[in-house]
Amino acid sequence: MTYDRLVCANCAAPVSEGRCPVCRASRQRLQQDGPFSGLNPTALIALIAVLIAALALVAHQTA
């Protein structure tokens, strides 16, 4: 889930706006979660497709 759709329970504003300290802390934490958290969903799907194609190629060469 991306933080642009989350609503803060503290100030009832979107977390992406960072209106209060709770929003800013949540936004900071969500941006630093993992190595693929900076990728948008399209890029992540493309990466998965490339990996599947590479695995299929390796499986075809070994058979």
PDB file of N, CA and C in Angstrom:
ATOM      1  N   MET A   1       0.849  -1.175   0.000  1.00  0.00           N
ATOM      2  CA  MET A   1       0.000   0.000   0.000  1.00  0.00           C
ATOM      3  C   MET A   1       0.891   1.233   0.000  1.00  0.00           C
ATOM      4  N   THR A   2       0.477   2.233  -0.712  1.00  0.00           N
ATOM      5  CA  THR A   2       1.240   3.471  -0.749  1.00  0.00           C
ATOM      6  C   THR A   2       0.685   4.454   0.261  1.00  0.00           C
ATOM      7  N   TYR A   3       1.544   5.313   0.753  1.00  0.00           N
ATOM      8  CA  TYR A   3       1.125   6.222   1.802  1.00  0.00           C
ATOM      9  C   TYR A   3       0.227   7.341   1.296  1.00  0.00           C
ATOM     10  N   ASP A   4       0.134   7.551  -0.006  1.00  0.00           N
ATOM     11  CA  ASP A   4      -0.706   8.630  -0.518  1.00  0.00           C
ATOM     12  C   ASP A   4      -2.195   8.346  -0.342  1.00  0.00           C
ATOM     13  N   ARG A   5      -2.568   7.115  -0.034  1.00  0.00           N
ATOM     14  CA  ARG A   5      -3.974   6.776   0.197  1.00  0.00           C
ATOM     15  C   ARG A   5      -4.321   6.652   1.680  1.00  0.00           C
ATOM     16  N   LEU A   6      -3.347   6.740   2.542  1.00  0.00           N
ATOM     17  CA  LEU A   6      -3.597   6.605   3.978  1.00  0.00           C
ATOM     18  C   LEU A   6      -4.105   7.913   4.574  1.00  0.00           C
ATOM     19  N   VAL A   7      -4.977   7.779   5.584  1.00  0.00           N
ATOM     20  CA  VAL A   7      -5.499   8.944   6.302  1.00  0.00           C
ATOM     21  C   VAL A   7      -5.009   8.857   7.739  1.00  0.00           C
ATOM     22  N   CYS A   8      -4.500   9.972   8.254  1.00  0.00           N
ATOM     23  CA  CYS A   8      -3.966  10.024   9.607  1.00  0.00           C
ATOM     24  C   CYS A   8      -5.097   9.986  10.631  1.00  0.00           C
ATOM     25  N   ALA A   9      -4.940   9.177  11.659  1.00  0.00           N
ATOM     26  CA  ALA A   9      -5.935   9.111  12.723  1.00  0.00           C
ATOM     27  C   ALA A   9      -5.816  10.301  13.663  1.00  0.00           C
ATOM     28  N   ASN A  10      -4.686  10.973  13.644  1.00  0.00           N
ATOM     29  CA  ASN A  10      -4.456  12.103  14.537  1.00  0.00           C
ATOM     30  C   ASN A  10      -5.123  13.376  14.020  1.00  0.00           C
ATOM     31  N   CYS A  11      -4.954  13.691  12.731  1.00  0.00           N
ATOM     32  CA  CYS A  11      -5.474  14.954  12.194  1.00  0.00           C
ATOM     33  C   CYS A  11      -6.511  14.760  11.090  1.00  0.00           C
ATOM     34  N   ALA A  12      -6.794  13.530  10.684  1.00  0.00           N
ATOM     35  CA  ALA A  12      -7.781  13.182   9.655  1.00  0.00           C
ATOM     36  C   ALA A  12      -7.431  13.756   8.278  1.00  0.00           C
ATOM     37  N   ALA A  13      -6.177  14.030   8.031  1.00  0.00           N
ATOM     38  CA  ALA A  13      -5.716  14.494   6.724  1.00  0.00           C
ATOM     39  C   ALA A  13      -4.924  13.370   6.057  1.00  0.00           C
ATOM     40  N   PRO A  14      -4.742  13.443   4.749  1.00  0.00           N
ATOM     41  CA  PRO A  14      -3.893  12.428   4.085  1.00  0.00           C
ATOM     42  C   PRO A  14      -2.469  12.453   4.636  1.00  0.00           C
ATOM     43  N   VAL A  15      -1.905  11.285   4.852  1.00  0.00           N
ATOM     44  CA  VAL A  15      -0.553  11.170   5.403  1.00  0.00           C
ATOM     45  C   VAL A  15       0.462  11.816   4.461  1.00  0.00           C
ATOM     46  N   SER A  16       0.193  11.760   3.164  1.00  0.00           N
ATOM     47  CA  SER A  16       1.135  12.317   2.195  1.00  0.00           C
ATOM     48  C   SER A  16       1.305  13.830   2.347  1.00  0.00           C
ATOM     49  N   GLU A  17       0.331  14.516   2.939  1.00  0.00           N
ATOM     50  CA  GLU A  17       0.453  15.962   3.146  1.00  0.00           C
ATOM     51  C   GLU A  17       1.351  16.297   4.332  1.00  0.00           C
ATOM     52  N   GLY A  18       1.445  15.414   5.308  1.00  0.00           N
ATOM     53  CA  GLY A  18       2.322  15.627   6.458  1.00  0.00           C
ATOM     54  C   GLY A  18       1.955  16.836   7.298  1.00  0.00           C
ATOM     55  N   ARG A  19       0.694  16.978   7.631  1.00  0.00           N
ATOM     56  CA  ARG A  19       0.242  18.157   8.381  1.00  0.00           C
ATOM     57  C   ARG A  19       0.667  18.149   9.845  1.00  0.00           C
ATOM     58  N   CYS A  20       0.722  16.976  10.444  1.00  0.00           N
ATOM     59  CA  CYS A  20       1.063  16.910  11.871  1.00  0.00           C
ATOM     60  C   CYS A  20       2.310  16.045  12.064  1.00  0.00           C
ATOM     61  N   PRO A  21       2.900  16.048  13.273  1.00  0.00           N
ATOM     62  CA  PRO A  21       4.100  15.228  13.514  1.00  0.00           C
ATOM     63  C   PRO A  21       3.859  13.731  13.301  1.00  0.00           C
ATOM     64  N   VAL A  22       2.647  13.259  13.592  1.00  0.00           N
ATOM     65  CA  VAL A  22       2.340  11.842  13.395  1.00  0.00           C
ATOM     66  C   VAL A  22       2.371  11.502  11.904  1.00  0.00           C
ATOM     67  N   CYS A  23       1.790  12.371  11.077  1.00  0.00           N
ATOM     68  CA  CYS A  23       1.814  12.173   9.614  1.00  0.00           C
ATOM     69  C   CYS A  23       3.242  12.154   9.093  1.00  0.00           C
ATOM     70  N   ARG A  24       4.029  13.114   9.532  1.00  0.00           N
ATOM     71  CA  ARG A  24       5.410  13.198   9.044  1.00  0.00           C
ATOM     72  C   ARG A  24       6.209  11.971   9.451  1.00  0.00           C
ATOM     73  N   ALA A  25       6.002  11.480  10.668  1.00  0.00           N
ATOM     74  CA  ALA A  25       6.715  10.280  11.121  1.00  0.00           C
ATOM     75  C   ALA A  25       6.275   9.052  10.327  1.00  0.00           C
ATOM     76  N   SER A  26       4.982   8.932  10.071  1.00  0.00           N
ATOM     77  CA  SER A  26       4.481   7.790   9.293  1.00  0.00           C
ATOM     78  C   SER A  26       4.984   7.836   7.865  1.00  0.00           C
ATOM     79  N   ARG A  27       4.975   9.027   7.277  1.00  0.00           N
ATOM     80  CA  ARG A  27       5.464   9.182   5.911  1.00  0.00           C
ATOM     81  C   ARG A  27       6.940   8.803   5.826  1.00  0.00           C
ATOM     82  N   GLN A  28       7.713   9.242   6.795  1.00  0.00           N
ATOM     83  CA  GLN A  28       9.154   8.923   6.830  1.00  0.00           C
ATOM     84  C   GLN A  28       9.371   7.415   6.963  1.00  0.00           C
ATOM     85  N   ARG A  29       8.604   6.774   7.839  1.00  0.00           N
ATOM     86  CA  ARG A  29       8.740   5.328   8.054  1.00  0.00           C
ATOM     87  C   ARG A  29       8.337   4.550   6.813  1.00  0.00           C
ATOM     88  N   LEU A  30       7.254   4.946   6.155  1.00  0.00           N
ATOM     89  CA  LEU A  30       6.801   4.236   4.969  1.00  0.00           C
ATOM     90  C   LEU A  30       7.759   4.395   3.793  1.00  0.00           C
ATOM     91  N   GLN A  31       8.445   5.496   3.716  1.00  0.00           N
ATOM     92  CA  GLN A  31       9.388   5.712   2.629  1.00  0.00           C
ATOM     93  C   GLN A  31      10.665   4.903   2.824  1.00  0.00           C
ATOM     94  N   GLN A  32      10.959   4.478   4.043  1.00  0.00           N
ATOM     95  CA  GLN A  32      12.195   3.761   4.333  1.00  0.00           C
ATOM     96  C   GLN A  32      11.969   2.299   4.674  1.00  0.00           C
ATOM     97  N   ASP A  33      10.809   1.727   4.343  1.00  0.00           N
ATOM     98  CA  ASP A  33      10.486   0.371   4.758  1.00  0.00           C
ATOM     99  C   ASP A  33      11.387  -0.700   4.172  1.00  0.00           C
ATOM    100  N   GLY A  34      11.592  -0.728   2.869  1.00  0.00           N
ATOM    101  CA  GLY A  34      12.360  -1.816   2.286  1.00  0.00           C
ATOM    102  C   GLY A  34      13.063  -1.409   1.017  1.00  0.00           C
ATOM    103  N   PRO A  35      13.794  -2.342   0.436  1.00  0.00           N
ATOM    104  CA  PRO A  35      14.563  -2.009  -0.764  1.00  0.00           C
ATOM    105  C   PRO A  35      13.679  -1.731  -1.985  1.00  0.00           C
ATOM    106  N   PHE A  36      12.471  -2.271  -2.019  1.00  0.00           N
ATOM    107  CA  PHE A  36      11.580  -2.065  -3.154  1.00  0.00           C
ATOM    108  C   PHE A  36      10.462  -1.076  -2.853  1.00  0.00           C
ATOM    109  N   SER A  37      10.512  -0.408  -1.715  1.00  0.00           N
ATOM    110  CA  SER A  37       9.430   0.513  -1.358  1.00  0.00           C
ATOM    111  C   SER A  37       9.417   1.762  -2.222  1.00  0.00           C
ATOM    112  N   GLY A  38      10.549   2.099  -2.834  1.00  0.00           N
ATOM    113  CA  GLY A  38      10.599   3.270  -3.688  1.00  0.00           C
ATOM    114  C   GLY A  38      10.084   3.023  -5.098  1.00  0.00           C
ATOM    115  N   LEU A  39       9.882   1.750  -5.464  1.00  0.00           N
ATOM    116  CA  LEU A  39       9.410   1.430  -6.803  1.00  0.00           C
ATOM    117  C   LEU A  39       7.900   1.605  -6.901  1.00  0.00           C
ATOM    118  N   ASN A  40       7.467   2.117  -8.030  1.00  0.00           N
ATOM    119  CA  ASN A  40       6.025   2.181  -8.227  1.00  0.00           C
ATOM    120  C   ASN A  40       5.529   0.806  -8.661  1.00  0.00           C
ATOM    121  N   PRO A  41       4.242   0.534  -8.581  1.00  0.00           N
ATOM    122  CA  PRO A  41       3.736  -0.806  -8.893  1.00  0.00           C
ATOM    123  C   PRO A  41       4.053  -1.269 -10.314  1.00  0.00           C
ATOM    124  N   THR A  42       4.062  -0.367 -11.282  1.00  0.00           N
ATOM    125  CA  THR A  42       4.364  -0.753 -12.656  1.00  0.00           C
ATOM    126  C   THR A  42       5.796  -1.258 -12.779  1.00  0.00           C
ATOM    127  N   ALA A  43       6.728  -0.561 -12.158  1.00  0.00           N
ATOM    128  CA  ALA A  43       8.125  -0.990 -12.208  1.00  0.00           C
ATOM    129  C   ALA A  43       8.310  -2.320 -11.482  1.00  0.00           C
ATOM    130  N   LEU A  44       7.600  -2.521 -10.398  1.00  0.00           N
ATOM    131  CA  LEU A  44       7.690  -3.780  -9.656  1.00  0.00           C
ATOM    132  C   LEU A  44       7.152  -4.938 -10.494  1.00  0.00           C
ATOM    133  N   ILE A  45       6.048  -4.728 -11.196  1.00  0.00           N
ATOM    134  CA  ILE A  45       5.488  -5.768 -12.064  1.00  0.00           C
ATOM    135  C   ILE A  45       6.448  -6.075 -13.208  1.00  0.00           C
ATOM    136  N   ALA A  46       7.064  -5.042 -13.770  1.00  0.00           N
ATOM    137  CA  ALA A  46       8.037  -5.251 -14.848  1.00  0.00           C
ATOM    138  C   ALA A  46       9.240  -6.047 -14.342  1.00  0.00           C
ATOM    139  N   LEU A  47       9.699  -5.752 -13.141  1.00  0.00           N
ATOM    140  CA  LEU A  47      10.822  -6.488 -12.559  1.00  0.00           C
ATOM    141  C   LEU A  47      10.471  -7.955 -12.353  1.00  0.00           C
ATOM    142  N   ILE A  48       9.280  -8.223 -11.877  1.00  0.00           N
ATOM    143  CA  ILE A  48       8.834  -9.603 -11.676  1.00  0.00           C
ATOM    144  C   ILE A  48       8.730 -10.326 -13.019  1.00  0.00           C
ATOM    145  N   ALA A  49       8.215  -9.638 -14.038  1.00  0.00           N
ATOM    146  CA  ALA A  49       8.105 -10.247 -15.366  1.00  0.00           C
ATOM    147  C   ALA A  49       9.476 -10.601 -15.929  1.00  0.00           C
ATOM    148  N   VAL A  50      10.456  -9.734 -15.748  1.00  0.00           N
ATOM    149  CA  VAL A  50      11.816 -10.010 -16.213  1.00  0.00           C
ATOM    150  C   VAL A  50      12.404 -11.212 -15.475  1.00  0.00           C
ATOM    151  N   LEU A  51      12.170 -11.295 -14.180  1.00  0.00           N
ATOM    152  CA  LEU A  51      12.683 -12.437 -13.413  1.00  0.00           C
ATOM    153  C   LEU A  51      12.036 -13.744 -13.857  1.00  0.00           C
ATOM    154  N   ILE A  52      10.733 -13.710 -14.120  1.00  0.00           N
ATOM    155  CA  ILE A  52      10.044 -14.923 -14.591  1.00  0.00           C
ATOM    156  C   ILE A  52      10.578 -15.331 -15.961  1.00  0.00           C
ATOM    157  N   ALA A  53      10.798 -14.362 -16.833  1.00  0.00           N
ATOM    158  CA  ALA A  53      11.343 -14.667 -18.162  1.00  0.00           C
ATOM    159  C   ALA A  53      12.748 -15.261 -18.040  1.00  0.00           C
ATOM    160  N   ALA A  54      13.554 -14.745 -17.148  1.00  0.00           N
ATOM    161  CA  ALA A  54      14.901 -15.275 -16.945  1.00  0.00           C
ATOM    162  C   ALA A  54      14.847 -16.711 -16.412  1.00  0.00           C
ATOM    163  N   LEU A  55      13.952 -16.975 -15.499  1.00  0.00           N
ATOM    164  CA  LEU A  55      13.813 -18.329 -14.977  1.00  0.00           C
ATOM    165  C   LEU A  55      13.335 -19.288 -16.065  1.00  0.00           C
ATOM    166  N   ALA A  56      12.410 -18.830 -16.906  1.00  0.00           N
ATOM    167  CA  ALA A  56      11.930 -19.680 -18.009  1.00  0.00           C
ATOM    168  C   ALA A  56      13.045 -19.985 -18.984  1.00  0.00           C
ATOM    169  N   LEU A  57      13.897 -19.000 -19.256  1.00  0.00           N
ATOM    170  CA  LEU A  57      15.020 -19.199 -20.158  1.00  0.00           C
ATOM    171  C   LEU A  57      16.016 -20.208 -19.591  1.00  0.00           C
ATOM    172  N   VAL A  58      16.309 -20.098 -18.317  1.00  0.00           N
ATOM    173  CA  VAL A  58      17.234 -21.035 -17.665  1.00  0.00           C
ATOM    174  C   VAL A  58      16.631 -22.442 -17.661  1.00  0.00           C
ATOM    175  N   ALA A  59      15.333 -22.553 -17.369  1.00  0.00           N
ATOM    176  CA  ALA A  59      14.687 -23.858 -17.352  1.00  0.00           C
ATOM    177  C   ALA A  59      14.670 -24.477 -18.753  1.00  0.00           C
ATOM    178  N   HIS A  60      14.480 -23.652 -19.770  1.00  0.00           N
ATOM    179  CA  HIS A  60      14.460 -24.166 -21.157  1.00  0.00           C
ATOM    180  C   HIS A  60      15.837 -24.645 -21.591  1.00  0.00           C
ATOM    181  N   GLN A  61      16.890 -23.983 -21.163  1.00  0.00           N
ATOM    182  CA  GLN A  61      18.246 -24.363 -21.554  1.00  0.00           C
ATOM    183  C   GLN A  61      18.712 -25.627 -20.856  1.00  0.00           C
ATOM    184  N   THR A  62      18.225 -25.881 -19.654  1.00  0.00           N
ATOM    185  CA  THR A  62      18.641 -27.079 -18.911  1.00  0.00           C
ATOM    186  C   THR A  62      17.865 -28.324 -19.359  1.00  0.00           C
ATOM    187  N   ALA A  63      16.740 -28.147 -19.984  1.00  0.00           N
ATOM    188  CA  ALA A  63      15.918 -29.291 -20.387  1.00  0.00           C
ATOM    189  C   ALA A  63      16.321 -29.843 -21.730  1.00  0.00           C
TER     190      ALA A  63
END
